[in-house]
Amino acid sequence: MVTDKTITTQLEPEVTAKDIIRKRTTAKQFRKKAKAQIEKNYEAILDSLVGKSIDGSIQHTRLLFDLGGVKEELEESSKERKLGPSLGRLLLKDAAEFRKRKEAEKAAKLVAAAADSSRPVKSLN
């Protein structure tokens, strides 16, 4: 049995500047829509990440740590432990102690001056 097969070709439509602009706009709209969906379902996404992290997924754990800023906090705390207190903190502490000592000396001088002025003056006659 012989069948008559006709092959039809479909012509490609011409691409115009409007089509290119429309494609760019579509990509922007896609990003907006994706952002909106993420914002809308953020808690569910985090719950899913936490669940997979608890099940042992290292990739999900790393992503959670990145989102939560855990890496930066660990780096900051390890720097403080390694380096000890900063020079600025030590200088501020020394300056505060110096100020207290000077104020105490000044107060002691005022008390001594007040005590000297309240003593009766003995005449040599």
PDB file of N, CA and C in Angstrom:
ATOM      1  N   MET A   1       0.842  -1.149   0.000  1.00  0.00           N
ATOM      2  CA  MET A   1       0.000   0.000   0.000  1.00  0.00           C
ATOM      3  C   MET A   1       0.904   1.234   0.000  1.00  0.00           C
ATOM      4  N   VAL A   2       0.638   2.110  -0.847  1.00  0.00           N
ATOM      5  CA  VAL A   2       1.418   3.318  -0.994  1.00  0.00           C
ATOM      6  C   VAL A   2       0.584   4.479  -0.479  1.00  0.00           C
ATOM      7  N   THR A   3       1.196   5.247   0.396  1.00  0.00           N
ATOM      8  CA  THR A   3       0.480   6.401   0.920  1.00  0.00           C
ATOM      9  C   THR A   3       1.131   7.656   0.390  1.00  0.00           C
ATOM     10  N   ASP A   4       0.331   8.610   0.222  1.00  0.00           N
ATOM     11  CA  ASP A   4       0.821   9.875  -0.293  1.00  0.00           C
ATOM     12  C   ASP A   4       1.185  10.772   0.893  1.00  0.00           C
ATOM     13  N   LYS A   5       2.470  10.934   1.100  1.00  0.00           N
ATOM     14  CA  LYS A   5       2.925  11.777   2.205  1.00  0.00           C
ATOM     15  C   LYS A   5       3.313  13.133   1.645  1.00  0.00           C
ATOM     16  N   THR A   6       2.732  14.099   2.203  1.00  0.00           N
ATOM     17  CA  THR A   6       3.104  15.447   1.786  1.00  0.00           C
ATOM     18  C   THR A   6       3.866  16.093   2.930  1.00  0.00           C
ATOM     19  N   ILE A   7       4.940  16.652   2.588  1.00  0.00           N
ATOM     20  CA  ILE A   7       5.763  17.310   3.593  1.00  0.00           C
ATOM     21  C   ILE A   7       5.491  18.803   3.507  1.00  0.00           C
ATOM     22  N   THR A   8       5.112  19.324   4.649  1.00  0.00           N
ATOM     23  CA  THR A   8       4.865  20.759   4.672  1.00  0.00           C
ATOM     24  C   THR A   8       5.930  21.396   5.553  1.00  0.00           C
ATOM     25  N   THR A   9       6.420  22.469   5.114  1.00  0.00           N
ATOM     26  CA  THR A   9       7.404  23.198   5.908  1.00  0.00           C
ATOM     27  C   THR A   9       6.760  24.463   6.429  1.00  0.00           C
ATOM     28  N   GLN A  10       7.167  24.757   7.644  1.00  0.00           N
ATOM     29  CA  GLN A  10       6.610  25.950   8.268  1.00  0.00           C
ATOM     30  C   GLN A  10       7.641  27.061   8.135  1.00  0.00           C
ATOM     31  N   LEU A  11       7.233  28.183   7.679  1.00  0.00           N
ATOM     32  CA  LEU A  11       8.143  29.302   7.509  1.00  0.00           C
ATOM     33  C   LEU A  11       8.399  29.962   8.863  1.00  0.00           C
ATOM     34  N   GLU A  12       9.665  30.309   9.079  1.00  0.00           N
ATOM     35  CA  GLU A  12      10.029  31.006  10.311  1.00  0.00           C
ATOM     36  C   GLU A  12       9.527  32.434  10.232  1.00  0.00           C
ATOM     37  N   PRO A  13       8.894  32.910  11.278  1.00  0.00           N
ATOM     38  CA  PRO A  13       8.445  34.306  11.245  1.00  0.00           C
ATOM     39  C   PRO A  13       9.647  35.242  11.359  1.00  0.00           C
ATOM     40  N   GLU A  14       9.504  36.387  10.792  1.00  0.00           N
ATOM     41  CA  GLU A  14      10.593  37.354  10.856  1.00  0.00           C
ATOM     42  C   GLU A  14      10.717  37.898  12.276  1.00  0.00           C
ATOM     43  N   VAL A  15      11.934  38.063  12.708  1.00  0.00           N
ATOM     44  CA  VAL A  15      12.197  38.605  14.039  1.00  0.00           C
ATOM     45  C   VAL A  15      12.322  40.114  13.908  1.00  0.00           C
ATOM     46  N   THR A  16      11.511  40.800  14.648  1.00  0.00           N
ATOM     47  CA  THR A  16      11.537  42.259  14.589  1.00  0.00           C
ATOM     48  C   THR A  16      12.108  42.812  15.882  1.00  0.00           C
ATOM     49  N   ALA A  17      12.367  44.103  15.889  1.00  0.00           N
ATOM     50  CA  ALA A  17      12.888  44.766  17.084  1.00  0.00           C
ATOM     51  C   ALA A  17      11.909  44.639  18.237  1.00  0.00           C
ATOM     52  N   LYS A  18      10.618  44.679  17.933  1.00  0.00           N
ATOM     53  CA  LYS A  18       9.604  44.537  18.981  1.00  0.00           C
ATOM     54  C   LYS A  18       9.723  43.180  19.667  1.00  0.00           C
ATOM     55  N   ASP A  19       9.981  42.139  18.864  1.00  0.00           N
ATOM     56  CA  ASP A  19      10.117  40.799  19.437  1.00  0.00           C
ATOM     57  C   ASP A  19      11.315  40.718  20.373  1.00  0.00           C
ATOM     58  N   ILE A  20      12.414  41.354  19.989  1.00  0.00           N
ATOM     59  CA  ILE A  20      13.613  41.347  20.839  1.00  0.00           C
ATOM     60  C   ILE A  20      13.323  42.066  22.142  1.00  0.00           C
ATOM     61  N   ILE A  21      12.692  43.229  22.076  1.00  0.00           N
ATOM     62  CA  ILE A  21      12.342  43.979  23.285  1.00  0.00           C
ATOM     63  C   ILE A  21      11.387  43.158  24.141  1.00  0.00           C
ATOM     64  N   ARG A  22      10.440  42.496  23.506  1.00  0.00           N
ATOM     65  CA  ARG A  22       9.475  41.689  24.228  1.00  0.00           C
ATOM     66  C   ARG A  22      10.194  40.552  24.975  1.00  0.00           C
ATOM     67  N   LYS A  23      11.208  39.935  24.356  1.00  0.00           N
ATOM     68  CA  LYS A  23      11.956  38.857  25.002  1.00  0.00           C
ATOM     69  C   LYS A  23      12.717  39.385  26.211  1.00  0.00           C
ATOM     70  N   ARG A  24      13.346  40.547  26.081  1.00  0.00           N
ATOM     71  CA  ARG A  24      14.066  41.137  27.206  1.00  0.00           C
ATOM     72  C   ARG A  24      13.112  41.441  28.357  1.00  0.00           C
ATOM     73  N   THR A  25      11.987  42.003  28.027  1.00  0.00           N
ATOM     74  CA  THR A  25      10.990  42.313  29.041  1.00  0.00           C
ATOM     75  C   THR A  25      10.504  41.043  29.724  1.00  0.00           C
ATOM     76  N   THR A  26      10.339  39.992  28.953  1.00  0.00           N
ATOM     77  CA  THR A  26       9.890  38.727  29.513  1.00  0.00           C
ATOM     78  C   THR A  26      10.911  38.212  30.530  1.00  0.00           C
ATOM     79  N   ALA A  27      12.194  38.347  30.222  1.00  0.00           N
ATOM     80  CA  ALA A  27      13.226  37.897  31.157  1.00  0.00           C
ATOM     81  C   ALA A  27      13.173  38.714  32.448  1.00  0.00           C
ATOM     82  N   LYS A  28      12.974  40.019  32.328  1.00  0.00           N
ATOM     83  CA  LYS A  28      12.861  40.860  33.519  1.00  0.00           C
ATOM     84  C   LYS A  28      11.638  40.471  34.333  1.00  0.00           C
ATOM     85  N   GLN A  29      10.548  40.247  33.622  1.00  0.00           N
ATOM     86  CA  GLN A  29       9.322  39.854  34.324  1.00  0.00           C
ATOM     87  C   GLN A  29       9.501  38.511  35.012  1.00  0.00           C
ATOM     88  N   PHE A  30      10.261  37.623  34.381  1.00  0.00           N
ATOM     89  CA  PHE A  30      10.518  36.318  34.987  1.00  0.00           C
ATOM     90  C   PHE A  30      11.254  36.490  36.306  1.00  0.00           C
ATOM     91  N   ARG A  31      12.277  37.350  36.329  1.00  0.00           N
ATOM     92  CA  ARG A  31      13.027  37.591  37.568  1.00  0.00           C
ATOM     93  C   ARG A  31      12.123  38.174  38.645  1.00  0.00           C
ATOM     94  N   LYS A  32      11.265  39.137  38.246  1.00  0.00           N
ATOM     95  CA  LYS A  32      10.338  39.729  39.216  1.00  0.00           C
ATOM     96  C   LYS A  32       9.403  38.678  39.787  1.00  0.00           C
ATOM     97  N   LYS A  33       8.886  37.843  38.900  1.00  0.00           N
ATOM     98  CA  LYS A  33       7.951  36.809  39.337  1.00  0.00           C
ATOM     99  C   LYS A  33       8.663  35.806  40.243  1.00  0.00           C
ATOM    100  N   ALA A  34       9.898  35.447  39.888  1.00  0.00           N
ATOM    101  CA  ALA A  34      10.668  34.511  40.710  1.00  0.00           C
ATOM    102  C   ALA A  34      10.925  35.109  42.098  1.00  0.00           C
ATOM    103  N   LYS A  35      11.297  36.383  42.138  1.00  0.00           N
ATOM    104  CA  LYS A  35      11.519  37.051  43.426  1.00  0.00           C
ATOM    105  C   LYS A  35      10.240  37.073  44.254  1.00  0.00           C
ATOM    106  N   ALA A  36       9.141  37.390  43.587  1.00  0.00           N
ATOM    107  CA  ALA A  36       7.857  37.441  44.303  1.00  0.00           C
ATOM    108  C   ALA A  36       7.496  36.073  44.877  1.00  0.00           C
ATOM    109  N   GLN A  37       7.738  35.029  44.117  1.00  0.00           N
ATOM    110  CA  GLN A  37       7.430  33.678  44.595  1.00  0.00           C
ATOM    111  C   GLN A  37       8.334  33.295  45.764  1.00  0.00           C
ATOM    112  N   ILE A  38       9.603  33.672  45.680  1.00  0.00           N
ATOM    113  CA  ILE A  38      10.532  33.375  46.779  1.00  0.00           C
ATOM    114  C   ILE A  38      10.093  34.111  48.040  1.00  0.00           C
ATOM    115  N   GLU A  39       9.765  35.401  47.909  1.00  0.00           N
ATOM    116  CA  GLU A  39       9.319  36.173  49.071  1.00  0.00           C
ATOM    117  C   GLU A  39       8.045  35.589  49.663  1.00  0.00           C
ATOM    118  N   LYS A  40       7.145  35.167  48.791  1.00  0.00           N
ATOM    119  CA  LYS A  40       5.866  34.628  49.239  1.00  0.00           C
ATOM    120  C   LYS A  40       6.051  33.305  49.991  1.00  0.00           C
ATOM    121  N   ASN A  41       6.981  32.475  49.536  1.00  0.00           N
ATOM    122  CA  ASN A  41       7.162  31.132  50.103  1.00  0.00           C
ATOM    123  C   ASN A  41       8.454  30.998  50.891  1.00  0.00           C
ATOM    124  N   TYR A  42       9.019  32.098  51.374  1.00  0.00           N
ATOM    125  CA  TYR A  42      10.328  32.085  52.030  1.00  0.00           C
ATOM    126  C   TYR A  42      10.363  31.146  53.234  1.00  0.00           C
ATOM    127  N   GLU A  43       9.362  31.210  54.073  1.00  0.00           N
ATOM    128  CA  GLU A  43       9.345  30.364  55.270  1.00  0.00           C
ATOM    129  C   GLU A  43       9.286  28.891  54.907  1.00  0.00           C
ATOM    130  N   ALA A  44       8.491  28.549  53.917  1.00  0.00           N
ATOM    131  CA  ALA A  44       8.398  27.152  53.483  1.00  0.00           C
ATOM    132  C   ALA A  44       9.728  26.681  52.891  1.00  0.00           C
ATOM    133  N   ILE A  45      10.388  27.563  52.150  1.00  0.00           N
ATOM    134  CA  ILE A  45      11.685  27.226  51.564  1.00  0.00           C
ATOM    135  C   ILE A  45      12.698  26.978  52.679  1.00  0.00           C
ATOM    136  N   LEU A  46      12.715  27.865  53.672  1.00  0.00           N
ATOM    137  CA  LEU A  46      13.651  27.681  54.791  1.00  0.00           C
ATOM    138  C   LEU A  46      13.343  26.399  55.560  1.00  0.00           C
ATOM    139  N   ASP A  47      12.078  26.115  55.789  1.00  0.00           N
ATOM    140  CA  ASP A  47      11.712  24.877  56.478  1.00  0.00           C
ATOM    141  C   ASP A  47      12.211  23.658  55.706  1.00  0.00           C
ATOM    142  N   SER A  48      12.079  23.700  54.395  1.00  0.00           N
ATOM    143  CA  SER A  48      12.550  22.604  53.558  1.00  0.00           C
ATOM    144  C   SER A  48      14.072  22.481  53.633  1.00  0.00           C
ATOM    145  N   LEU A  49      14.769  23.620  53.589  1.00  0.00           N
ATOM    146  CA  LEU A  49      16.226  23.601  53.711  1.00  0.00           C
ATOM    147  C   LEU A  49      16.657  23.025  55.046  1.00  0.00           C
ATOM    148  N   VAL A  50      15.999  23.441  56.111  1.00  0.00           N
ATOM    149  CA  VAL A  50      16.330  22.941  57.446  1.00  0.00           C
ATOM    150  C   VAL A  50      16.102  21.432  57.515  1.00  0.00           C
ATOM    151  N   GLY A  51      14.988  20.971  56.972  1.00  0.00           N
ATOM    152  CA  GLY A  51      14.695  19.539  56.986  1.00  0.00           C
ATOM    153  C   GLY A  51      15.755  18.734  56.261  1.00  0.00           C
ATOM    154  N   LYS A  52      16.166  19.206  55.083  1.00  0.00           N
ATOM    155  CA  LYS A  52      17.186  18.492  54.320  1.00  0.00           C
ATOM    156  C   LYS A  52      18.548  18.585  55.006  1.00  0.00           C
ATOM    157  N   SER A  53      18.794  19.694  55.664  1.00  0.00           N
ATOM    158  CA  SER A  53      20.040  19.858  56.404  1.00  0.00           C
ATOM    159  C   SER A  53      20.101  18.888  57.583  1.00  0.00           C
ATOM    160  N   ILE A  54      18.983  18.752  58.282  1.00  0.00           N
ATOM    161  CA  ILE A  54      18.911  17.823  59.416  1.00  0.00           C
ATOM    162  C   ILE A  54      19.089  16.380  58.940  1.00  0.00           C
ATOM    163  N   ASP A  55      18.593  16.094  57.726  1.00  0.00           N
ATOM    164  CA  ASP A  55      18.738  14.748  57.169  1.00  0.00           C
ATOM    165  C   ASP A  55      20.174  14.455  56.755  1.00  0.00           C
ATOM    166  N   GLY A  56      21.037  15.482  56.754  1.00  0.00           N
ATOM    167  CA  GLY A  56      22.456  15.241  56.474  1.00  0.00           C
ATOM    168  C   GLY A  56      22.978  15.856  55.197  1.00  0.00           C
ATOM    169  N   SER A  57      22.214  16.683  54.534  1.00  0.00           N
ATOM    170  CA  SER A  57      22.665  17.286  53.285  1.00  0.00           C
ATOM    171  C   SER A  57      23.633  18.428  53.584  1.00  0.00           C
ATOM    172  N   ILE A  58      24.869  18.258  53.164  1.00  0.00           N
ATOM    173  CA  ILE A  58      25.888  19.282  53.406  1.00  0.00           C
ATOM    174  C   ILE A  58      25.601  20.524  52.576  1.00  0.00           C
ATOM    175  N   GLN A  59      25.141  20.349  51.348  1.00  0.00           N
ATOM    176  CA  GLN A  59      24.846  21.499  50.496  1.00  0.00           C
ATOM    177  C   GLN A  59      23.766  22.384  51.116  1.00  0.00           C
ATOM    178  N   HIS A  60      22.723  21.764  51.638  1.00  0.00           N
ATOM    179  CA  HIS A  60      21.650  22.545  52.247  1.00  0.00           C
ATOM    180  C   HIS A  60      22.130  23.222  53.534  1.00  0.00           C
ATOM    181  N   THR A  61      22.988  22.536  54.282  1.00  0.00           N
ATOM    182  CA  THR A  61      23.537  23.131  55.504  1.00  0.00           C
ATOM    183  C   THR A  61      24.389  24.343  55.162  1.00  0.00           C
ATOM    184  N   ARG A  62      25.233  24.217  54.145  1.00  0.00           N
ATOM    185  CA  ARG A  62      26.070  25.353  53.725  1.00  0.00           C
ATOM    186  C   ARG A  62      25.209  26.535  53.286  1.00  0.00           C
ATOM    187  N   LEU A  63      24.170  26.244  52.531  1.00  0.00           N
ATOM    188  CA  LEU A  63      23.280  27.312  52.074  1.00  0.00           C
ATOM    189  C   LEU A  63      22.614  28.010  53.262  1.00  0.00           C
ATOM    190  N   LEU A  64      22.170  27.240  54.236  1.00  0.00           N
ATOM    191  CA  LEU A  64      21.568  27.841  55.437  1.00  0.00           C
ATOM    192  C   LEU A  64      22.579  28.700  56.182  1.00  0.00           C
ATOM    193  N   PHE A  65      23.805  28.197  56.306  1.00  0.00           N
ATOM    194  CA  PHE A  65      24.841  28.969  56.983  1.00  0.00           C
ATOM    195  C   PHE A  65      25.134  30.265  56.232  1.00  0.00           C
ATOM    196  N   ASP A  66      25.159  30.204  54.908  1.00  0.00           N
ATOM    197  CA  ASP A  66      25.379  31.421  54.109  1.00  0.00           C
ATOM    198  C   ASP A  66      24.247  32.412  54.303  1.00  0.00           C
ATOM    199  N   LEU A  67      23.018  31.918  54.289  1.00  0.00           N
ATOM    200  CA  LEU A  67      21.867  32.805  54.472  1.00  0.00           C
ATOM    201  C   LEU A  67      21.867  33.437  55.862  1.00  0.00           C
ATOM    202  N   GLY A  68      22.276  32.673  56.854  1.00  0.00           N
ATOM    203  CA  GLY A  68      22.249  33.167  58.232  1.00  0.00           C
ATOM    204  C   GLY A  68      23.478  33.950  58.641  1.00  0.00           C
ATOM    205  N   GLY A  69      24.515  33.982  57.797  1.00  0.00           N
ATOM    206  CA  GLY A  69      25.734  34.721  58.140  1.00  0.00           C
ATOM    207  C   GLY A  69      26.581  34.037  59.189  1.00  0.00           C
ATOM    208  N   VAL A  70      26.458  32.728  59.315  1.00  0.00           N
ATOM    209  CA  VAL A  70      27.191  31.979  60.337  1.00  0.00           C
ATOM    210  C   VAL A  70      28.692  32.040  60.076  1.00  0.00           C
ATOM    211  N   LYS A  71      29.079  31.943  58.819  1.00  0.00           N
ATOM    212  CA  LYS A  71      30.502  31.937  58.470  1.00  0.00           C
ATOM    213  C   LYS A  71      31.185  33.223  58.934  1.00  0.00           C
ATOM    214  N   GLU A  72      30.548  34.358  58.687  1.00  0.00           N
ATOM    215  CA  GLU A  72      31.130  35.645  59.080  1.00  0.00           C
ATOM    216  C   GLU A  72      31.246  35.758  60.595  1.00  0.00           C
ATOM    217  N   GLU A  73      30.219  35.278  61.308  1.00  0.00           N
ATOM    218  CA  GLU A  73      30.261  35.328  62.772  1.00  0.00           C
ATOM    219  C   GLU A  73      31.384  34.454  63.317  1.00  0.00           C
ATOM    220  N   LEU A  74      31.564  33.272  62.736  1.00  0.00           N
ATOM    221  CA  LEU A  74      32.630  32.383  63.182  1.00  0.00           C
ATOM    222  C   LEU A  74      34.004  32.986  62.916  1.00  0.00           C
ATOM    223  N   GLU A  75      34.169  33.585  61.736  1.00  0.00           N
ATOM    224  CA  GLU A  75      35.444  34.224  61.410  1.00  0.00           C
ATOM    225  C   GLU A  75      35.738  35.363  62.382  1.00  0.00           C
ATOM    226  N   GLU A  76      34.733  36.155  62.686  1.00  0.00           N
ATOM    227  CA  GLU A  76      34.919  37.294  63.592  1.00  0.00           C
ATOM    228  C   GLU A  76      35.301  36.829  64.991  1.00  0.00           C
ATOM    229  N   SER A  77      34.607  35.813  65.492  1.00  0.00           N
ATOM    230  CA  SER A  77      34.905  35.338  66.842  1.00  0.00           C
ATOM    231  C   SER A  77      36.259  34.645  66.903  1.00  0.00           C
ATOM    232  N   SER A  78      36.657  33.954  65.836  1.00  0.00           N
ATOM    233  CA  SER A  78      37.960  33.292  65.845  1.00  0.00           C
ATOM    234  C   SER A  78      39.084  34.316  65.780  1.00  0.00           C
ATOM    235  N   LYS A  79      38.875  35.431  65.086  1.00  0.00           N
ATOM    236  CA  LYS A  79      39.884  36.487  65.047  1.00  0.00           C
ATOM    237  C   LYS A  79      40.107  37.053  66.441  1.00  0.00           C
ATOM    238  N   GLU A  80      39.013  37.284  67.168  1.00  0.00           N
ATOM    239  CA  GLU A  80      39.132  37.849  68.513  1.00  0.00           C
ATOM    240  C   GLU A  80      39.869  36.889  69.441  1.00  0.00           C
ATOM    241  N   ARG A  81      39.595  35.596  69.299  1.00  0.00           N
ATOM    242  CA  ARG A  81      40.279  34.622  70.156  1.00  0.00           C
ATOM    243  C   ARG A  81      41.754  34.527  69.811  1.00  0.00           C
ATOM    244  N   LYS A  82      42.094  34.566  68.527  1.00  0.00           N
ATOM    245  CA  LYS A  82      43.482  34.453  68.107  1.00  0.00           C
ATOM    246  C   LYS A  82      44.283  35.694  68.458  1.00  0.00           C
ATOM    247  N   LEU A  83      43.710  36.834  68.197  1.00  0.00           N
ATOM    248  CA  LEU A  83      44.436  38.083  68.344  1.00  0.00           C
ATOM    249  C   LEU A  83      44.338  38.676  69.741  1.00  0.00           C
ATOM    250  N   GLY A  84      43.398  38.264  70.514  1.00  0.00           N
ATOM    251  CA  GLY A  84      43.175  38.863  71.812  1.00  0.00           C
ATOM    252  C   GLY A  84      42.491  40.201  71.656  1.00  0.00           C
ATOM    253  N   PRO A  85      42.491  41.002  72.707  1.00  0.00           N
ATOM    254  CA  PRO A  85      41.819  42.297  72.619  1.00  0.00           C
ATOM    255  C   PRO A  85      42.566  43.223  71.651  1.00  0.00           C
ATOM    256  N   SER A  86      41.849  44.112  71.045  1.00  0.00           N
ATOM    257  CA  SER A  86      42.453  45.018  70.073  1.00  0.00           C
ATOM    258  C   SER A  86      43.260  46.107  70.784  1.00  0.00           C
ATOM    259  N   LEU A  87      44.168  46.693  70.051  1.00  0.00           N
ATOM    260  CA  LEU A  87      44.996  47.764  70.595  1.00  0.00           C
ATOM    261  C   LEU A  87      44.132  48.936  71.034  1.00  0.00           C
ATOM    262  N   GLY A  88      43.103  49.234  70.260  1.00  0.00           N
ATOM    263  CA  GLY A  88      42.203  50.330  70.607  1.00  0.00           C
ATOM    264  C   GLY A  88      41.530  50.107  71.949  1.00  0.00           C
ATOM    265  N   ARG A  89      41.056  48.876  72.172  1.00  0.00           N
ATOM    266  CA  ARG A  89      40.408  48.573  73.461  1.00  0.00           C
ATOM    267  C   ARG A  89      41.391  48.697  74.615  1.00  0.00           C
ATOM    268  N   LEU A  90      42.626  48.226  74.416  1.00  0.00           N
ATOM    269  CA  LEU A  90      43.637  48.342  75.472  1.00  0.00           C
ATOM    270  C   LEU A  90      43.946  49.803  75.772  1.00  0.00           C
ATOM    271  N   LEU A  91      44.074  50.613  74.721  1.00  0.00           N
ATOM    272  CA  LEU A  91      44.361  52.038  74.927  1.00  0.00           C
ATOM    273  C   LEU A  91      43.208  52.750  75.630  1.00  0.00           C
ATOM    274  N   LEU A  92      41.975  52.422  75.254  1.00  0.00           N
ATOM    275  CA  LEU A  92      40.821  53.032  75.928  1.00  0.00           C
ATOM    276  C   LEU A  92      40.790  52.653  77.401  1.00  0.00           C
ATOM    277  N   LYS A  93      41.103  51.409  77.696  1.00  0.00           N
ATOM    278  CA  LYS A  93      41.117  50.948  79.090  1.00  0.00           C
ATOM    279  C   LYS A  93      42.198  51.690  79.883  1.00  0.00           C
ATOM    280  N   ASP A  94      43.407  51.809  79.286  1.00  0.00           N
ATOM    281  CA  ASP A  94      44.490  52.530  79.963  1.00  0.00           C
ATOM    282  C   ASP A  94      44.150  54.006  80.150  1.00  0.00           C
ATOM    283  N   ALA A  95      43.513  54.605  79.156  1.00  0.00           N
ATOM    284  CA  ALA A  95      43.143  56.015  79.258  1.00  0.00           C
ATOM    285  C   ALA A  95      42.120  56.222  80.374  1.00  0.00           C
ATOM    286  N   ALA A  96      41.177  55.299  80.498  1.00  0.00           N
ATOM    287  CA  ALA A  96      40.171  55.409  81.562  1.00  0.00           C
ATOM    288  C   ALA A  96      40.828  55.279  82.931  1.00  0.00           C
ATOM    289  N   GLU A  97      41.763  54.340  83.069  1.00  0.00           N
ATOM    290  CA  GLU A  97      42.469  54.190  84.351  1.00  0.00           C
ATOM    291  C   GLU A  97      43.293  55.434  84.662  1.00  0.00           C
ATOM    292  N   PHE A  98      43.976  55.988  83.667  1.00  0.00           N
ATOM    293  CA  PHE A  98      44.775  57.194  83.848  1.00  0.00           C
ATOM    294  C   PHE A  98      43.896  58.350  84.291  1.00  0.00           C
ATOM    295  N   ARG A  99      42.717  58.505  83.656  1.00  0.00           N
ATOM    296  CA  ARG A  99      41.788  59.576  84.006  1.00  0.00           C
ATOM    297  C   ARG A  99      41.323  59.424  85.454  1.00  0.00           C
ATOM    298  N   LYS A 100      41.020  58.203  85.870  1.00  0.00           N
ATOM    299  CA  LYS A 100      40.579  57.965  87.253  1.00  0.00           C
ATOM    300  C   LYS A 100      41.677  58.322  88.245  1.00  0.00           C
ATOM    301  N   ARG A 101      42.916  57.933  87.916  1.00  0.00           N
ATOM    302  CA  ARG A 101      44.034  58.258  88.815  1.00  0.00           C
ATOM    303  C   ARG A 101      44.215  59.765  88.943  1.00  0.00           C
ATOM    304  N   LYS A 102      44.159  60.476  87.829  1.00  0.00           N
ATOM    305  CA  LYS A 102      44.327  61.933  87.853  1.00  0.00           C
ATOM    306  C   LYS A 102      43.216  62.599  88.665  1.00  0.00           C
ATOM    307  N   GLU A 103      41.974  62.120  88.490  1.00  0.00           N
ATOM    308  CA  GLU A 103      40.855  62.683  89.254  1.00  0.00           C
ATOM    309  C   GLU A 103      41.028  62.409  90.746  1.00  0.00           C
ATOM    310  N   ALA A 104      41.520  61.222  91.087  1.00  0.00           N
ATOM    311  CA  ALA A 104      41.743  60.885  92.494  1.00  0.00           C
ATOM    312  C   ALA A 104      42.845  61.765  93.089  1.00  0.00           C
ATOM    313  N   GLU A 105      43.911  61.997  92.328  1.00  0.00           N
ATOM    314  CA  GLU A 105      44.992  62.868  92.800  1.00  0.00           C
ATOM    315  C   GLU A 105      44.496  64.299  92.996  1.00  0.00           C
ATOM    316  N   LYS A 106      43.707  64.777  92.057  1.00  0.00           N
ATOM    317  CA  LYS A 106      43.171  66.127  92.137  1.00  0.00           C
ATOM    318  C   LYS A 106      42.267  66.267  93.363  1.00  0.00           C
ATOM    319  N   ALA A 107      41.426  65.260  93.593  1.00  0.00           N
ATOM    320  CA  ALA A 107      40.541  65.286  94.759  1.00  0.00           C
ATOM    321  C   ALA A 107      41.350  65.259  96.048  1.00  0.00           C
ATOM    322  N   ALA A 108      42.425  64.470  96.079  1.00  0.00           N
ATOM    323  CA  ALA A 108      43.271  64.401  97.271  1.00  0.00           C
ATOM    324  C   ALA A 108      43.943  65.746  97.539  1.00  0.00           C
ATOM    325  N   LYS A 109      44.385  66.433  96.489  1.00  0.00           N
ATOM    326  CA  LYS A 109      45.010  67.748  96.645  1.00  0.00           C
ATOM    327  C   LYS A 109      43.999  68.760  97.180  1.00  0.00           C
ATOM    328  N   LEU A 110      42.758  68.707  96.674  1.00  0.00           N
ATOM    329  CA  LEU A 110      41.729  69.626  97.148  1.00  0.00           C
ATOM    330  C   LEU A 110      41.416  69.385  98.620  1.00  0.00           C
ATOM    331  N   VAL A 111      41.347  68.114  99.011  1.00  0.00           N
ATOM    332  CA  VAL A 111      41.074  67.786 100.408  1.00  0.00           C
ATOM    333  C   VAL A 111      42.217  68.270 101.289  1.00  0.00           C
ATOM    334  N   ALA A 112      43.460  68.074 100.837  1.00  0.00           N
ATOM    335  CA  ALA A 112      44.623  68.521 101.606  1.00  0.00           C
ATOM    336  C   ALA A 112      44.649  70.046 101.717  1.00  0.00           C
ATOM    337  N   ALA A 113      44.306  70.734 100.639  1.00  0.00           N
ATOM    338  CA  ALA A 113      44.296  72.199 100.660  1.00  0.00           C
ATOM    339  C   ALA A 113      43.203  72.706 101.596  1.00  0.00           C
ATOM    340  N   ALA A 114      42.072  72.043 101.594  1.00  0.00           N
ATOM    341  CA  ALA A 114      40.979  72.449 102.470  1.00  0.00           C
ATOM    342  C   ALA A 114      41.353  72.207 103.926  1.00  0.00           C
ATOM    343  N   ALA A 115      42.048  71.122 104.196  1.00  0.00           N
ATOM    344  CA  ALA A 115      42.461  70.816 105.568  1.00  0.00           C
ATOM    345  C   ALA A 115      43.488  71.824 106.060  1.00  0.00           C
ATOM    346  N   ASP A 116      44.393  72.239 105.172  1.00  0.00           N
ATOM    347  CA  ASP A 116      45.422  73.217 105.545  1.00  0.00           C
ATOM    348  C   ASP A 116      44.790  74.582 105.816  1.00  0.00           C
ATOM    349  N   SER A 117      43.787  74.958 105.062  1.00  0.00           N
ATOM    350  CA  SER A 117      43.190  76.274 105.234  1.00  0.00           C
ATOM    351  C   SER A 117      42.292  76.320 106.476  1.00  0.00           C
ATOM    352  N   SER A 118      41.840  75.178 106.962  1.00  0.00           N
ATOM    353  CA  SER A 118      40.973  75.195 108.128  1.00  0.00           C
ATOM    354  C   SER A 118      41.756  75.133 109.438  1.00  0.00           C
ATOM    355  N   ARG A 119      43.048  74.865 109.401  1.00  0.00           N
ATOM    356  CA  ARG A 119      43.863  74.864 110.624  1.00  0.00           C
ATOM    357  C   ARG A 119      44.101  76.286 111.110  1.00  0.00           C
ATOM    358  N   PRO A 120      44.046  76.470 112.397  1.00  0.00           N
ATOM    359  CA  PRO A 120      44.347  77.814 112.887  1.00  0.00           C
ATOM    360  C   PRO A 120      45.833  78.120 112.722  1.00  0.00           C
ATOM    361  N   VAL A 121      46.093  79.358 112.408  1.00  0.00           N
ATOM    362  CA  VAL A 121      47.478  79.786 112.201  1.00  0.00           C
ATOM    363  C   VAL A 121      48.046  80.198 113.564  1.00  0.00           C
ATOM    364  N   LYS A 122      49.158  79.621 113.919  1.00  0.00           N
ATOM    365  CA  LYS A 122      49.807  79.949 115.194  1.00  0.00           C
ATOM    366  C   LYS A 122      50.742  81.132 114.973  1.00  0.00           C
ATOM    367  N   SER A 123      50.632  82.061 115.862  1.00  0.00           N
ATOM    368  CA  SER A 123      51.522  83.195 115.759  1.00  0.00           C
ATOM    369  C   SER A 123      52.798  82.916 116.501  1.00  0.00           C
ATOM    370  N   LEU A 124      53.860  83.505 116.093  1.00  0.00           N
ATOM    371  CA  LEU A 124      55.154  83.261 116.704  1.00  0.00           C
ATOM    372  C   LEU A 124      55.412  84.203 117.883  1.00  0.00           C
ATOM    373  N   ASN A 125      54.526  85.074 118.217  1.00  0.00           N
ATOM    374  CA  ASN A 125      54.711  86.008 119.339  1.00  0.00           C
ATOM    375  C   ASN A 125      54.647  85.327 120.627  1.00  0.00           C
TER     376      ASN A 125
END
